[in-house]
Amino acid sequence: MSTPNCTLDVWENKNYGDGGHHQFTGPHNTAELNNNYWDGYKESNKNEMDDCISSLKTGSQAWAKIFSGSNFTGTMKLITNNQSIADLS
């Protein structure tokens, strides 16, 4: 079942700037961002997200836990619905 507005938009640059963008939709769980790619790029281009998310927005029906380290380690931050963070640094 799909939940409208259950989205997490992430940007490679601060202030939702030019560069990579990706939208996660619905329930999603990923321990390593290097298994995800910026929208518009193919896996063969090697444009993995790695650890370079600099800004994000959540939809009205979404929340996220983000971690500073891989595999859900390091400092955790809870992002609630309808949040916009222009600079995650």
Protein backbone atom coordinates (compact mmCIF):
# COMPACT_ATOMS: atom_id res chain seq x y z
CA MET A 1 0.00 0.00 0.00
CA SER A 2 1.37 3.39 -0.97
CA THR A 3 1.25 6.36 1.39
CA PRO A 4 0.92 9.74 -0.34
CA ASN A 5 3.56 12.30 0.67
CA CYS A 6 5.72 9.66 2.38
CA THR A 7 8.85 11.04 0.75
CA LEU A 8 12.38 11.97 1.68
CA ASP A 9 14.16 14.24 -0.78
CA VAL A 10 17.93 14.51 -0.39
CA TRP A 11 20.44 16.78 -2.13
CA GLU A 12 24.18 16.48 -2.57
CA ASN A 13 24.67 20.20 -1.92
CA LYS A 14 23.56 22.63 0.77
CA ASN A 15 20.45 24.75 0.25
CA TYR A 16 18.92 22.16 -2.11
CA GLY A 17 21.42 23.35 -4.71
CA ASP A 18 22.66 22.10 -8.03
CA GLY A 19 24.17 18.66 -8.01
CA GLY A 20 22.69 15.32 -7.13
CA HIS A 21 19.09 14.88 -5.97
CA HIS A 22 17.21 11.71 -5.01
CA GLN A 23 13.74 11.00 -3.70
CA PHE A 24 13.03 8.01 -1.49
CA THR A 25 9.34 7.07 -1.46
CA GLY A 26 7.39 4.97 1.01
CA PRO A 27 8.99 3.00 3.80
CA HIS A 28 12.68 2.67 3.08
CA ASN A 29 15.64 1.32 5.02
CA THR A 30 19.22 1.63 3.83
CA ALA A 31 22.39 1.07 5.84
CA GLU A 32 24.80 2.23 3.13
CA LEU A 33 24.17 5.18 0.83
CA ASN A 34 26.82 3.95 -1.60
CA ASN A 35 24.19 1.44 -2.79
CA ASN A 36 22.00 4.38 -3.95
CA TYR A 37 22.51 6.72 -6.89
CA TRP A 38 21.55 10.31 -7.60
CA ASP A 39 18.48 10.58 -9.86
CA GLY A 40 19.31 10.75 -13.54
CA TYR A 41 22.56 8.80 -13.25
CA LYS A 42 23.17 5.19 -14.13
CA GLU A 43 25.01 2.77 -11.89
CA SER A 44 27.76 2.50 -14.49
CA ASN A 45 28.54 6.22 -14.02
CA LYS A 46 29.54 5.54 -10.40
CA ASN A 47 27.55 8.45 -8.99
CA GLU A 48 26.85 6.83 -5.64
CA MET A 49 25.50 8.98 -2.86
CA ASP A 50 28.20 7.80 -0.48
CA ASP A 51 28.08 10.11 2.54
CA CYS A 52 27.51 13.37 0.70
CA ILE A 53 23.93 14.35 1.58
CA SER A 54 23.99 18.03 2.52
CA SER A 55 20.30 19.02 2.61
CA LEU A 56 16.94 17.27 2.85
CA LYS A 57 13.15 17.64 3.02
CA THR A 58 10.52 15.24 4.35
CA GLY A 59 6.95 14.98 3.09
CA SER A 60 3.85 15.40 5.24
CA GLN A 61 3.65 11.67 5.93
CA ALA A 62 7.36 10.94 6.34
CA TRP A 63 10.01 10.93 9.03
CA ALA A 64 13.57 9.73 8.95
CA LYS A 65 16.40 8.71 11.23
CA ILE A 66 19.75 9.72 9.81
CA PHE A 67 23.10 8.57 11.14
CA SER A 68 26.59 10.05 10.84
CA GLY A 69 28.14 6.61 10.28
CA SER A 70 27.43 3.64 8.07
CA ASN A 71 25.29 0.68 9.17
CA PHE A 72 23.20 2.85 11.52
CA THR A 73 26.18 3.91 13.66
CA GLY A 74 27.36 7.24 14.97
CA THR A 75 25.20 10.18 15.93
CA MET A 76 21.50 9.76 15.11
CA LYS A 77 19.16 12.61 14.24
CA LEU A 78 15.39 12.24 13.97
CA ILE A 79 13.80 14.23 11.15
CA THR A 80 10.02 14.61 11.51
CA ASN A 81 7.40 15.24 8.85
CA ASN A 82 7.38 18.48 6.83
CA GLN A 83 10.98 19.30 7.77
CA SER A 84 13.38 21.19 5.54
CA ILE A 85 17.05 21.25 6.48
CA ALA A 86 19.16 23.35 4.12
CA ASP A 87 22.51 22.51 5.74
CA LEU A 88 23.16 19.20 7.53
CA SER A 89 26.76 20.06 8.45
